Amino acid sequence: METNRSIYQLIEDCEATNKALYKFYAAVMIVIVILALPLNASVLHLFIFKLKFWKSNTNNIFLFNLVLADILLLFSLPIKAYNFIQGERRSGNDTVCKAMLFMLFLNRGASIAFLTVTSIDRYFNVVHPGRKNLLRALKKSPQISILIWLLLLPLTIPTMLKNFDCCNSHKTDKDDTLIKGVVDSMREVVFFTQILIPFCILVYCTVHIVKRLRKKTIGDKTKLKRAVFLVTSVMVVFSLCFLPCTIARMVLLIARVKDWPDINQNIAAVAFDGLMVLSYMDCLLDPLVYCFCSTKFKSLYLSSYFPFLMKEGPVPLDSSTGNTSHPARNTVI
């Protein structure tokens, strides 16, 4: 059994204190990659070769970027899993470590950003269908997506440090300088605002969309129920994937600042790492929520990859937009 001193040293050296548990974390990440990579790749293929998203006037451009961010994040997970298997919480190579943090936080931030922008777009379509807005004008062009990626780049700079990945912000060492304290604080502000601000926006959009749909008495009841299910699912996914690791990070910072016993700091660090692994489930759930809640997209996906599940019949209403799809032969069984 590790002593307090050895536990402290392991934390500072960014090594796993419970190697068996970190191997389990690695196994979870490998399962996520195995399930999510082919799913996202097939969705990406449809957006490019079937839907030609760049010509679309719908929110397909945003959804394409959402899937792209998720699939880029998935490419980073095998390296993270390998480090966990080796008993390391991050790569010992400085270049690999910073590259991993860049990829993880850029694509995770992009996933959250496009999830939020798509929800805002749906909010205007449902709650203010006739009102002109800047997002509606810009979403027809890929420039807004490029702008979102560019704005996310500077936000990754504070996170590209080893002590973030090892959860060693705000140490209680006497040698800490004011500059280091400011950098630590900026890094944590970026981490929390990247999740909490989009979450508040999602809550606002979801509440108003649900209220609007419940007041609407004319129209296809099935379509309305699907729309309510969609916006509710987005909130569930966001709450499941991102809020737990945010709370764990907050507890970990309190443990560091208050100088809790080493064993308690270790428990907080291990819990944070595990909940960060849970946040990668977003890569698997995003396409299921946003793409497959559209009956038109679901029919297209099944007819392309699983045609034996299709039968002749009219194409149903597109539950994501409330519009009638173009004529086609197939529908879902």
C-alpha atoms as a PDB file:
ATOM      1  CA  MET A   1       0.000   0.000   0.000  1.00  0.00           C
ATOM      2  CA  GLU A   2       1.344   3.431  -1.042  1.00  0.00           C
ATOM      3  CA  THR A   3       2.317   5.896   1.683  1.00  0.00           C
ATOM      4  CA  ASN A   4       1.144   9.509   1.601  1.00  0.00           C
ATOM      5  CA  ARG A   5       4.592  10.621   0.472  1.00  0.00           C
ATOM      6  CA  SER A   6       4.703   8.170  -2.428  1.00  0.00           C
ATOM      7  CA  ILE A   7       1.163   9.086  -3.480  1.00  0.00           C
ATOM      8  CA  TYR A   8       2.148  12.762  -3.562  1.00  0.00           C
ATOM      9  CA  GLN A   9       5.192  11.944  -5.669  1.00  0.00           C
ATOM     10  CA  LEU A  10       3.119   9.896  -8.103  1.00  0.00           C
ATOM     11  CA  ILE A  11       0.644  12.777  -8.481  1.00  0.00           C
ATOM     12  CA  GLU A  12       3.428  15.276  -9.124  1.00  0.00           C
ATOM     13  CA  ASP A  13       5.121  12.945 -11.621  1.00  0.00           C
ATOM     14  CA  CYS A  14       1.809  12.444 -13.451  1.00  0.00           C
ATOM     15  CA  GLU A  15       1.806   8.685 -12.934  1.00  0.00           C
ATOM     16  CA  ALA A  16      -1.242   6.537 -12.277  1.00  0.00           C
ATOM     17  CA  THR A  17      -1.630   5.578  -8.628  1.00  0.00           C
ATOM     18  CA  ASN A  18      -4.059   2.779  -9.506  1.00  0.00           C
ATOM     19  CA  LYS A  19      -2.749   1.121 -12.651  1.00  0.00           C
ATOM     20  CA  ALA A  20      -5.597  -1.413 -12.867  1.00  0.00           C
ATOM     21  CA  LEU A  21      -8.198   1.376 -12.832  1.00  0.00           C
ATOM     22  CA  TYR A  22      -6.371   3.318 -15.530  1.00  0.00           C
ATOM     23  CA  LYS A  23      -6.229   0.208 -17.675  1.00  0.00           C
ATOM     24  CA  PHE A  24     -10.017   0.065 -17.320  1.00  0.00           C
ATOM     25  CA  TYR A  25     -10.184   3.722 -18.420  1.00  0.00           C
ATOM     26  CA  ALA A  26      -8.046   2.770 -21.424  1.00  0.00           C
ATOM     27  CA  ALA A  27     -10.386  -0.112 -22.283  1.00  0.00           C
ATOM     28  CA  VAL A  28     -13.378   2.253 -22.196  1.00  0.00           C
ATOM     29  CA  MET A  29     -11.629   4.646 -24.592  1.00  0.00           C
ATOM     30  CA  ILE A  30     -10.776   1.795 -26.952  1.00  0.00           C
ATOM     31  CA  VAL A  31     -14.426   0.678 -26.975  1.00  0.00           C
ATOM     32  CA  ILE A  32     -15.513   4.270 -27.692  1.00  0.00           C
ATOM     33  CA  VAL A  33     -13.112   4.442 -30.643  1.00  0.00           C
ATOM     34  CA  ILE A  34     -14.212   1.054 -32.019  1.00  0.00           C
ATOM     35  CA  LEU A  35     -17.896   2.053 -31.907  1.00  0.00           C
ATOM     36  CA  ALA A  36     -17.698   5.759 -32.733  1.00  0.00           C
ATOM     37  CA  LEU A  37     -15.064   5.816 -35.483  1.00  0.00           C
ATOM     38  CA  PRO A  38     -16.991   3.799 -38.107  1.00  0.00           C
ATOM     39  CA  LEU A  39     -20.232   5.544 -37.142  1.00  0.00           C
ATOM     40  CA  ASN A  40     -18.773   9.037 -37.562  1.00  0.00           C
ATOM     41  CA  ALA A  41     -16.865   8.027 -40.696  1.00  0.00           C
ATOM     42  CA  SER A  42     -20.041   6.719 -42.352  1.00  0.00           C
ATOM     43  CA  VAL A  43     -21.951   9.885 -41.396  1.00  0.00           C
ATOM     44  CA  LEU A  44     -19.096  12.011 -42.762  1.00  0.00           C
ATOM     45  CA  HIS A  45     -19.247  10.039 -46.004  1.00  0.00           C
ATOM     46  CA  LEU A  46     -22.955  10.800 -46.385  1.00  0.00           C
ATOM     47  CA  PHE A  47     -22.464  14.511 -45.736  1.00  0.00           C
ATOM     48  CA  ILE A  48     -19.754  14.746 -48.403  1.00  0.00           C
ATOM     49  CA  PHE A  49     -20.900  12.378 -51.147  1.00  0.00           C
ATOM     50  CA  LYS A  50     -24.683  12.159 -50.693  1.00  0.00           C
ATOM     51  CA  LEU A  51     -25.873  15.421 -49.142  1.00  0.00           C
ATOM     52  CA  LYS A  52     -23.095  17.659 -50.536  1.00  0.00           C
ATOM     53  CA  PHE A  53     -23.348  19.750 -47.362  1.00  0.00           C
ATOM     54  CA  TRP A  54     -21.580  22.795 -48.853  1.00  0.00           C
ATOM     55  CA  LYS A  55     -24.513  23.301 -51.231  1.00  0.00           C
ATOM     56  CA  SER A  56     -27.133  22.910 -48.521  1.00  0.00           C
ATOM     57  CA  ASN A  57     -29.266  25.723 -47.106  1.00  0.00           C
ATOM     58  CA  THR A  58     -29.972  23.760 -43.939  1.00  0.00           C
ATOM     59  CA  ASN A  59     -27.830  23.268 -40.861  1.00  0.00           C
ATOM     60  CA  ASN A  60     -25.928  20.442 -42.563  1.00  0.00           C
ATOM     61  CA  ILE A  61     -22.787  22.599 -42.604  1.00  0.00           C
ATOM     62  CA  PHE A  62     -22.851  22.812 -38.818  1.00  0.00           C
ATOM     63  CA  LEU A  63     -23.562  19.105 -38.445  1.00  0.00           C
ATOM     64  CA  PHE A  64     -20.706  18.250 -40.812  1.00  0.00           C
ATOM     65  CA  ASN A  65     -18.297  20.269 -38.667  1.00  0.00           C
ATOM     66  CA  LEU A  66     -19.680  18.644 -35.526  1.00  0.00           C
ATOM     67  CA  VAL A  67     -18.979  15.178 -36.921  1.00  0.00           C
ATOM     68  CA  LEU A  68     -15.562  16.317 -38.208  1.00  0.00           C
ATOM     69  CA  ALA A  69     -14.578  17.586 -34.745  1.00  0.00           C
ATOM     70  CA  ASP A  70     -15.677  14.314 -33.160  1.00  0.00           C
ATOM     71  CA  ILE A  71     -13.780  12.145 -35.624  1.00  0.00           C
ATOM     72  CA  LEU A  72     -10.571  14.184 -35.187  1.00  0.00           C
ATOM     73  CA  LEU A  73     -10.892  13.791 -31.426  1.00  0.00           C
ATOM     74  CA  LEU A  74     -11.264  10.032 -31.824  1.00  0.00           C
ATOM     75  CA  PHE A  75      -7.859   9.833 -33.538  1.00  0.00           C
ATOM     76  CA  SER A  76      -6.260  11.150 -30.329  1.00  0.00           C
ATOM     77  CA  LEU A  77      -7.844   8.631 -27.989  1.00  0.00           C
ATOM     78  CA  PRO A  78      -5.661   5.577 -28.846  1.00  0.00           C
ATOM     79  CA  ILE A  79      -2.566   7.528 -27.755  1.00  0.00           C
ATOM     80  CA  LYS A  80      -4.305   8.530 -24.540  1.00  0.00           C
ATOM     81  CA  ALA A  81      -5.339   4.914 -23.970  1.00  0.00           C
ATOM     82  CA  TYR A  82      -1.761   3.729 -24.559  1.00  0.00           C
ATOM     83  CA  ASN A  83      -0.477   6.165 -21.910  1.00  0.00           C
ATOM     84  CA  PHE A  84      -3.038   4.889 -19.404  1.00  0.00           C
ATOM     85  CA  ILE A  85      -2.057   1.267 -20.109  1.00  0.00           C
ATOM     86  CA  GLN A  86       1.558   2.221 -19.432  1.00  0.00           C
ATOM     87  CA  GLY A  87       0.529   3.682 -16.076  1.00  0.00           C
ATOM     88  CA  GLU A  88       0.989   7.294 -17.217  1.00  0.00           C
ATOM     89  CA  ARG A  89      -1.643   9.996 -17.100  1.00  0.00           C
ATOM     90  CA  ARG A  90       0.012  11.727 -20.054  1.00  0.00           C
ATOM     91  CA  SER A  91       2.817  11.114 -22.516  1.00  0.00           C
ATOM     92  CA  GLY A  92       6.343  11.563 -21.172  1.00  0.00           C
ATOM     93  CA  ASN A  93       7.347  13.138 -24.477  1.00  0.00           C
ATOM     94  CA  ASP A  94       6.837  16.900 -24.229  1.00  0.00           C
ATOM     95  CA  THR A  95       5.960  17.341 -27.910  1.00  0.00           C
ATOM     96  CA  VAL A  96       3.462  14.475 -27.923  1.00  0.00           C
ATOM     97  CA  CYS A  97       1.956  15.728 -24.682  1.00  0.00           C
ATOM     98  CA  LYS A  98       1.335  19.238 -26.046  1.00  0.00           C
ATOM     99  CA  ALA A  99       0.089  17.900 -29.390  1.00  0.00           C
ATOM    100  CA  MET A 100      -2.368  15.639 -27.568  1.00  0.00           C
ATOM    101  CA  LEU A 101      -3.686  18.504 -25.443  1.00  0.00           C
ATOM    102  CA  PHE A 102      -4.038  20.661 -28.564  1.00  0.00           C
ATOM    103  CA  MET A 103      -6.031  17.986 -30.399  1.00  0.00           C
ATOM    104  CA  LEU A 104      -8.175  17.059 -27.408  1.00  0.00           C
ATOM    105  CA  PHE A 105      -9.173  20.575 -26.441  1.00  0.00           C
ATOM    106  CA  LEU A 106      -9.493  22.027 -29.962  1.00  0.00           C
ATOM    107  CA  ASN A 107     -11.779  19.272 -31.216  1.00  0.00           C
ATOM    108  CA  ARG A 108     -13.653  18.930 -27.933  1.00  0.00           C
ATOM    109  CA  GLY A 109     -14.217  22.689 -27.970  1.00  0.00           C
ATOM    110  CA  ALA A 110     -15.318  22.546 -31.607  1.00  0.00           C
ATOM    111  CA  SER A 111     -17.749  19.738 -30.813  1.00  0.00           C
ATOM    112  CA  ILE A 112     -19.307  21.821 -28.022  1.00  0.00           C
ATOM    113  CA  ALA A 113     -19.338  24.964 -30.200  1.00  0.00           C
ATOM    114  CA  PHE A 114     -21.113  23.364 -33.162  1.00  0.00           C
ATOM    115  CA  LEU A 115     -23.508  21.536 -30.833  1.00  0.00           C
ATOM    116  CA  THR A 116     -24.395  24.942 -29.354  1.00  0.00           C
ATOM    117  CA  VAL A 117     -24.628  26.788 -32.681  1.00  0.00           C
ATOM    118  CA  THR A 118     -26.898  24.105 -34.109  1.00  0.00           C
ATOM    119  CA  SER A 119     -29.172  24.405 -31.061  1.00  0.00           C
ATOM    120  CA  ILE A 120     -29.292  28.193 -31.455  1.00  0.00           C
ATOM    121  CA  ASP A 121     -30.213  27.742 -35.111  1.00  0.00           C
ATOM    122  CA  ARG A 122     -33.003  25.343 -34.155  1.00  0.00           C
ATOM    123  CA  TYR A 123     -34.182  27.803 -31.485  1.00  0.00           C
ATOM    124  CA  PHE A 124     -34.686  30.535 -34.101  1.00  0.00           C
ATOM    125  CA  ASN A 125     -36.361  28.112 -36.518  1.00  0.00           C
ATOM    126  CA  VAL A 126     -38.899  26.969 -33.919  1.00  0.00           C
ATOM    127  CA  VAL A 127     -39.406  29.933 -31.582  1.00  0.00           C
ATOM    128  CA  HIS A 128     -38.888  32.788 -34.088  1.00  0.00           C
ATOM    129  CA  PRO A 129     -39.572  31.161 -37.479  1.00  0.00           C
ATOM    130  CA  GLY A 130     -40.259  34.388 -39.354  1.00  0.00           C
ATOM    131  CA  ARG A 131     -37.623  36.599 -37.800  1.00  0.00           C
ATOM    132  CA  LYS A 132     -34.472  37.439 -39.710  1.00  0.00           C
ATOM    133  CA  ASN A 133     -31.230  36.807 -37.833  1.00  0.00           C
ATOM    134  CA  LEU A 134     -27.534  36.902 -38.564  1.00  0.00           C
ATOM    135  CA  LEU A 135     -27.047  33.187 -37.973  1.00  0.00           C
ATOM    136  CA  ARG A 136     -29.668  32.280 -40.562  1.00  0.00           C
ATOM    137  CA  ALA A 137     -27.905  34.435 -43.137  1.00  0.00           C
ATOM    138  CA  LEU A 138     -24.420  33.142 -42.307  1.00  0.00           C
ATOM    139  CA  LYS A 139     -25.198  29.448 -41.985  1.00  0.00           C
ATOM    140  CA  LYS A 140     -25.595  29.126 -45.761  1.00  0.00           C
ATOM    141  CA  SER A 141     -21.888  29.839 -46.097  1.00  0.00           C
ATOM    142  CA  PRO A 142     -18.958  27.820 -44.727  1.00  0.00           C
ATOM    143  CA  GLN A 143     -17.268  31.030 -43.553  1.00  0.00           C
ATOM    144  CA  ILE A 144     -18.986  30.950 -40.172  1.00  0.00           C
ATOM    145  CA  SER A 145     -17.697  27.422 -39.547  1.00  0.00           C
ATOM    146  CA  ILE A 146     -14.161  28.481 -40.456  1.00  0.00           C
ATOM    147  CA  LEU A 147     -14.495  31.462 -38.106  1.00  0.00           C
ATOM    148  CA  ILE A 148     -15.546  29.182 -35.239  1.00  0.00           C
ATOM    149  CA  TRP A 149     -12.473  26.979 -35.765  1.00  0.00           C
ATOM    150  CA  LEU A 150     -10.192  30.040 -35.868  1.00  0.00           C
ATOM    151  CA  LEU A 151     -11.692  31.494 -32.687  1.00  0.00           C
ATOM    152  CA  LEU A 152     -11.092  28.207 -30.887  1.00  0.00           C
ATOM    153  CA  LEU A 153      -7.376  28.112 -31.735  1.00  0.00           C
ATOM    154  CA  PRO A 154      -6.196  30.738 -29.182  1.00  0.00           C
ATOM    155  CA  LEU A 155      -8.307  29.072 -26.485  1.00  0.00           C
ATOM    156  CA  THR A 156      -6.194  25.912 -26.770  1.00  0.00           C
ATOM    157  CA  ILE A 157      -2.935  27.731 -25.951  1.00  0.00           C
ATOM    158  CA  PRO A 158      -3.446  27.900 -22.136  1.00  0.00           C
ATOM    159  CA  THR A 159      -4.308  24.197 -22.033  1.00  0.00           C
ATOM    160  CA  MET A 160      -1.176  23.025 -23.877  1.00  0.00           C
ATOM    161  CA  LEU A 161       0.776  22.584 -20.663  1.00  0.00           C
ATOM    162  CA  LYS A 162       1.697  19.413 -18.803  1.00  0.00           C
ATOM    163  CA  ASN A 163       0.383  20.540 -15.457  1.00  0.00           C
ATOM    164  CA  PHE A 164      -3.110  20.918 -16.878  1.00  0.00           C
ATOM    165  CA  ASP A 165      -3.190  17.337 -18.057  1.00  0.00           C
ATOM    166  CA  CYS A 166      -1.861  16.235 -14.655  1.00  0.00           C
ATOM    167  CA  CYS A 167      -4.323  18.453 -12.772  1.00  0.00           C
ATOM    168  CA  ASN A 168      -1.551  20.318 -10.953  1.00  0.00           C
ATOM    169  CA  SER A 169      -2.945  23.826 -11.291  1.00  0.00           C
ATOM    170  CA  HIS A 170      -2.724  26.153  -8.296  1.00  0.00           C
ATOM    171  CA  LYS A 171      -0.143  24.227  -6.305  1.00  0.00           C
ATOM    172  CA  THR A 172       0.473  25.337  -2.751  1.00  0.00           C
ATOM    173  CA  ASP A 173       4.253  25.495  -3.232  1.00  0.00           C
ATOM    174  CA  LYS A 174       5.946  28.554  -1.760  1.00  0.00           C
ATOM    175  CA  ASP A 175       7.999  29.002  -4.926  1.00  0.00           C
ATOM    176  CA  ASP A 176       4.937  29.716  -7.070  1.00  0.00           C
ATOM    177  CA  THR A 177       5.087  33.086  -8.803  1.00  0.00           C
ATOM    178  CA  LEU A 178       2.327  35.558  -9.507  1.00  0.00           C
ATOM    179  CA  ILE A 179       2.659  34.953 -13.250  1.00  0.00           C
ATOM    180  CA  LYS A 180       2.204  31.208 -12.791  1.00  0.00           C
ATOM    181  CA  GLY A 181      -0.869  31.834 -10.657  1.00  0.00           C
ATOM    182  CA  VAL A 182      -2.364  34.058 -13.356  1.00  0.00           C
ATOM    183  CA  VAL A 183      -1.619  31.487 -16.070  1.00  0.00           C
ATOM    184  CA  ASP A 184      -3.187  28.723 -13.959  1.00  0.00           C
ATOM    185  CA  SER A 185      -6.294  30.860 -13.416  1.00  0.00           C
ATOM    186  CA  MET A 186      -6.615  31.719 -17.128  1.00  0.00           C
ATOM    187  CA  ARG A 187      -6.311  28.068 -18.039  1.00  0.00           C
ATOM    188  CA  GLU A 188      -9.056  27.077 -15.634  1.00  0.00           C
ATOM    189  CA  VAL A 189     -11.305  29.940 -16.806  1.00  0.00           C
ATOM    190  CA  VAL A 190     -10.970  28.657 -20.386  1.00  0.00           C
ATOM    191  CA  PHE A 191     -11.839  25.120 -19.288  1.00  0.00           C
ATOM    192  CA  PHE A 192     -14.941  26.114 -17.313  1.00  0.00           C
ATOM    193  CA  THR A 193     -16.329  28.772 -19.681  1.00  0.00           C
ATOM    194  CA  GLN A 194     -15.961  26.382 -22.615  1.00  0.00           C
ATOM    195  CA  ILE A 195     -18.549  24.169 -20.945  1.00  0.00           C
ATOM    196  CA  LEU A 196     -20.668  26.343 -18.643  1.00  0.00           C
ATOM    197  CA  ILE A 197     -21.523  29.135 -21.129  1.00  0.00           C
ATOM    198  CA  PRO A 198     -22.686  26.702 -23.864  1.00  0.00           C
ATOM    199  CA  PHE A 199     -24.620  24.752 -21.219  1.00  0.00           C
ATOM    200  CA  CYS A 200     -26.531  27.909 -20.174  1.00  0.00           C
ATOM    201  CA  ILE A 201     -27.280  28.640 -23.841  1.00  0.00           C
ATOM    202  CA  LEU A 202     -28.505  25.073 -24.386  1.00  0.00           C
ATOM    203  CA  VAL A 203     -30.760  25.275 -21.326  1.00  0.00           C
ATOM    204  CA  TYR A 204     -32.281  28.540 -22.561  1.00  0.00           C
ATOM    205  CA  CYS A 205     -32.838  27.236 -26.101  1.00  0.00           C
ATOM    206  CA  THR A 206     -34.227  23.909 -24.935  1.00  0.00           C
ATOM    207  CA  VAL A 207     -36.703  25.425 -22.451  1.00  0.00           C
ATOM    208  CA  HIS A 208     -38.069  27.888 -25.016  1.00  0.00           C
ATOM    209  CA  ILE A 209     -38.259  25.274 -27.786  1.00  0.00           C
ATOM    210  CA  VAL A 210     -40.183  22.867 -25.557  1.00  0.00           C
ATOM    211  CA  LYS A 211     -42.558  25.665 -24.479  1.00  0.00           C
ATOM    212  CA  ARG A 212     -43.128  26.698 -28.085  1.00  0.00           C
ATOM    213  CA  LEU A 213     -43.810  23.166 -29.273  1.00  0.00           C
ATOM    214  CA  ARG A 214     -46.204  22.442 -26.415  1.00  0.00           C
ATOM    215  CA  LYS A 215     -48.228  25.575 -27.223  1.00  0.00           C
ATOM    216  CA  LYS A 216     -48.440  24.621 -30.885  1.00  0.00           C
ATOM    217  CA  THR A 217     -51.712  22.789 -31.424  1.00  0.00           C
ATOM    218  CA  ILE A 218     -51.724  22.597 -35.237  1.00  0.00           C
ATOM    219  CA  GLY A 219     -49.476  20.158 -37.021  1.00  0.00           C
ATOM    220  CA  ASP A 220     -48.266  16.595 -36.960  1.00  0.00           C
ATOM    221  CA  LYS A 221     -48.241  15.439 -33.314  1.00  0.00           C
ATOM    222  CA  THR A 222     -45.613  12.797 -34.089  1.00  0.00           C
ATOM    223  CA  LYS A 223     -43.328  15.423 -35.592  1.00  0.00           C
ATOM    224  CA  LEU A 224     -43.746  17.658 -32.534  1.00  0.00           C
ATOM    225  CA  LYS A 225     -42.961  14.816 -30.175  1.00  0.00           C
ATOM    226  CA  ARG A 226     -39.821  13.989 -32.133  1.00  0.00           C
ATOM    227  CA  ALA A 227     -38.694  17.605 -32.008  1.00  0.00           C
ATOM    228  CA  VAL A 228     -39.194  17.730 -28.223  1.00  0.00           C
ATOM    229  CA  PHE A 229     -37.303  14.446 -27.922  1.00  0.00           C
ATOM    230  CA  LEU A 230     -34.453  15.881 -29.976  1.00  0.00           C
ATOM    231  CA  VAL A 231     -33.854  19.031 -27.931  1.00  0.00           C
ATOM    232  CA  THR A 232     -34.254  17.076 -24.694  1.00  0.00           C
ATOM    233  CA  SER A 233     -31.724  14.496 -25.911  1.00  0.00           C
ATOM    234  CA  VAL A 234     -29.181  17.239 -26.588  1.00  0.00           C
ATOM    235  CA  MET A 235     -29.453  18.428 -22.994  1.00  0.00           C
ATOM    236  CA  VAL A 236     -29.135  14.870 -21.677  1.00  0.00           C
ATOM    237  CA  VAL A 237     -26.019  14.209 -23.778  1.00  0.00           C
ATOM    238  CA  PHE A 238     -24.400  17.471 -22.740  1.00  0.00           C
ATOM    239  CA  SER A 239     -25.236  16.905 -19.074  1.00  0.00           C
ATOM    240  CA  LEU A 240     -23.969  13.315 -19.158  1.00  0.00           C
ATOM    241  CA  CYS A 241     -20.724  13.977 -21.023  1.00  0.00           C
ATOM    242  CA  PHE A 242     -19.495  17.396 -19.888  1.00  0.00           C
ATOM    243  CA  LEU A 243     -21.023  18.450 -16.564  1.00  0.00           C
ATOM    244  CA  PRO A 244     -19.581  15.570 -14.472  1.00  0.00           C
ATOM    245  CA  CYS A 245     -15.967  16.295 -15.489  1.00  0.00           C
ATOM    246  CA  THR A 246     -16.571  20.016 -14.880  1.00  0.00           C
ATOM    247  CA  ILE A 247     -17.762  19.338 -11.334  1.00  0.00           C
ATOM    248  CA  ALA A 248     -14.845  16.934 -10.775  1.00  0.00           C
ATOM    249  CA  ARG A 249     -12.406  19.579 -11.988  1.00  0.00           C
ATOM    250  CA  MET A 250     -13.896  22.082  -9.544  1.00  0.00           C
ATOM    251  CA  VAL A 251     -13.525  19.629  -6.650  1.00  0.00           C
ATOM    252  CA  LEU A 252      -9.939  18.935  -7.712  1.00  0.00           C
ATOM    253  CA  LEU A 253      -9.060  22.631  -7.721  1.00  0.00           C
ATOM    254  CA  ILE A 254     -10.548  23.034  -4.250  1.00  0.00           C
ATOM    255  CA  ALA A 255      -8.453  20.077  -3.096  1.00  0.00           C
ATOM    256  CA  ARG A 256      -5.295  21.717  -4.469  1.00  0.00           C
ATOM    257  CA  VAL A 257      -6.003  25.180  -3.104  1.00  0.00           C
ATOM    258  CA  LYS A 258      -7.133  23.957   0.325  1.00  0.00           C
ATOM    259  CA  ASP A 259      -4.188  21.544   0.458  1.00  0.00           C
ATOM    260  CA  TRP A 260      -6.255  18.454   1.212  1.00  0.00           C
ATOM    261  CA  PRO A 261      -4.396  15.286   2.300  1.00  0.00           C
ATOM    262  CA  ASP A 262      -2.530  13.573  -0.528  1.00  0.00           C
ATOM    263  CA  ILE A 263      -4.864  10.578  -0.545  1.00  0.00           C
ATOM    264  CA  ASN A 264      -7.898  12.848  -1.039  1.00  0.00           C
ATOM    265  CA  GLN A 265      -6.171  14.795  -3.808  1.00  0.00           C
ATOM    266  CA  ASN A 266      -5.382  11.495  -5.488  1.00  0.00           C
ATOM    267  CA  ILE A 267      -9.020  10.366  -5.306  1.00  0.00           C
ATOM    268  CA  ALA A 268     -10.117  13.683  -6.823  1.00  0.00           C
ATOM    269  CA  ALA A 269      -7.532  13.383  -9.626  1.00  0.00           C
ATOM    270  CA  VAL A 270      -8.488   9.786 -10.439  1.00  0.00           C
ATOM    271  CA  ALA A 271     -12.192  10.714 -10.498  1.00  0.00           C
ATOM    272  CA  PHE A 272     -11.481  13.647 -12.818  1.00  0.00           C
ATOM    273  CA  ASP A 273      -9.524  11.447 -15.244  1.00  0.00           C
ATOM    274  CA  GLY A 274     -12.347   8.905 -15.287  1.00  0.00           C
ATOM    275  CA  LEU A 275     -15.019  11.533 -15.933  1.00  0.00           C
ATOM    276  CA  MET A 276     -12.889  13.038 -18.705  1.00  0.00           C
ATOM    277  CA  VAL A 277     -12.985   9.593 -20.317  1.00  0.00           C
ATOM    278  CA  LEU A 278     -16.777   9.684 -19.945  1.00  0.00           C
ATOM    279  CA  SER A 279     -16.836  13.029 -21.787  1.00  0.00           C
ATOM    280  CA  TYR A 280     -15.426  11.294 -24.883  1.00  0.00           C
ATOM    281  CA  MET A 281     -18.749   9.448 -25.156  1.00  0.00           C
ATOM    282  CA  ASP A 282     -19.919  12.650 -26.822  1.00  0.00           C
ATOM    283  CA  CYS A 283     -18.220  11.402 -30.001  1.00  0.00           C
ATOM    284  CA  LEU A 284     -20.543   8.402 -30.027  1.00  0.00           C
ATOM    285  CA  LEU A 285     -23.746  10.171 -28.989  1.00  0.00           C
ATOM    286  CA  ASP A 286     -23.574  13.294 -31.195  1.00  0.00           C
ATOM    287  CA  PRO A 287     -24.377  11.563 -34.506  1.00  0.00           C
ATOM    288  CA  LEU A 288     -27.095   9.496 -32.849  1.00  0.00           C
ATOM    289  CA  VAL A 289     -28.831  12.599 -31.499  1.00  0.00           C
ATOM    290  CA  TYR A 290     -28.411  15.181 -34.239  1.00  0.00           C
ATOM    291  CA  CYS A 291     -28.227  13.059 -37.367  1.00  0.00           C
ATOM    292  CA  PHE A 292     -30.500  10.134 -36.618  1.00  0.00           C
ATOM    293  CA  CYS A 293     -33.246  12.229 -35.021  1.00  0.00           C
ATOM    294  CA  SER A 294     -33.868  13.462 -38.569  1.00  0.00           C
ATOM    295  CA  THR A 295     -36.061  10.857 -40.259  1.00  0.00           C
ATOM    296  CA  LYS A 296     -34.793  11.990 -43.664  1.00  0.00           C
ATOM    297  CA  PHE A 297     -31.163  11.480 -42.691  1.00  0.00           C
ATOM    298  CA  LYS A 298     -31.953   8.188 -40.968  1.00  0.00           C
ATOM    299  CA  SER A 299     -33.671   6.903 -44.097  1.00  0.00           C
ATOM    300  CA  LEU A 300     -30.717   7.993 -46.222  1.00  0.00           C
ATOM    301  CA  TYR A 301     -28.244   6.330 -43.850  1.00  0.00           C
ATOM    302  CA  LEU A 302     -30.132   3.023 -43.713  1.00  0.00           C
ATOM    303  CA  SER A 303     -30.740   2.937 -47.471  1.00  0.00           C
ATOM    304  CA  SER A 304     -27.007   3.496 -48.067  1.00  0.00           C
ATOM    305  CA  TYR A 305     -25.548   1.053 -45.553  1.00  0.00           C
ATOM    306  CA  PHE A 306     -28.402  -1.242 -44.475  1.00  0.00           C
ATOM    307  CA  PRO A 307     -30.818  -1.413 -47.428  1.00  0.00           C
ATOM    308  CA  PHE A 308     -32.317  -4.684 -46.152  1.00  0.00           C
ATOM    309  CA  LEU A 309     -33.967  -2.649 -43.349  1.00  0.00           C
ATOM    310  CA  MET A 310     -35.867  -0.526 -45.867  1.00  0.00           C
ATOM    311  CA  LYS A 311     -39.181  -1.040 -47.613  1.00  0.00           C
ATOM    312  CA  GLU A 312     -41.130   0.781 -50.282  1.00  0.00           C
ATOM    313  CA  GLY A 313     -43.179   3.756 -49.131  1.00  0.00           C
ATOM    314  CA  PRO A 314     -43.311   7.533 -48.823  1.00  0.00           C
ATOM    315  CA  VAL A 315     -40.521   9.397 -47.081  1.00  0.00           C
ATOM    316  CA  PRO A 316     -41.701  10.791 -43.712  1.00  0.00           C
ATOM    317  CA  LEU A 317     -41.456  14.376 -42.576  1.00  0.00           C
ATOM    318  CA  ASP A 318     -38.002  15.540 -41.602  1.00  0.00           C
ATOM    319  CA  SER A 319     -38.418  15.726 -37.827  1.00  0.00           C
ATOM    320  CA  SER A 320     -35.367  17.947 -37.424  1.00  0.00           C
ATOM    321  CA  THR A 321     -36.754  20.786 -39.500  1.00  0.00           C
ATOM    322  CA  GLY A 322     -40.449  20.142 -39.707  1.00  0.00           C
ATOM    323  CA  ASN A 323     -40.337  20.220 -43.538  1.00  0.00           C
ATOM    324  CA  THR A 324     -41.452  17.575 -45.972  1.00  0.00           C
ATOM    325  CA  SER A 325     -38.577  15.684 -47.505  1.00  0.00           C
ATOM    326  CA  HIS A 326     -38.085  15.328 -51.226  1.00  0.00           C
ATOM    327  CA  PRO A 327     -39.852  12.407 -52.845  1.00  0.00           C
ATOM    328  CA  ALA A 328     -38.138   9.061 -52.537  1.00  0.00           C
ATOM    329  CA  ARG A 329     -39.049   5.452 -52.569  1.00  0.00           C
ATOM    330  CA  ASN A 330     -37.676   4.123 -49.331  1.00  0.00           C
ATOM    331  CA  THR A 331     -38.622   4.590 -45.725  1.00  0.00           C
ATOM    332  CA  VAL A 332     -37.638   2.954 -42.494  1.00  0.00           C
ATOM    333  CA  ILE A 333     -39.211  -0.288 -41.423  1.00  0.00           C
END
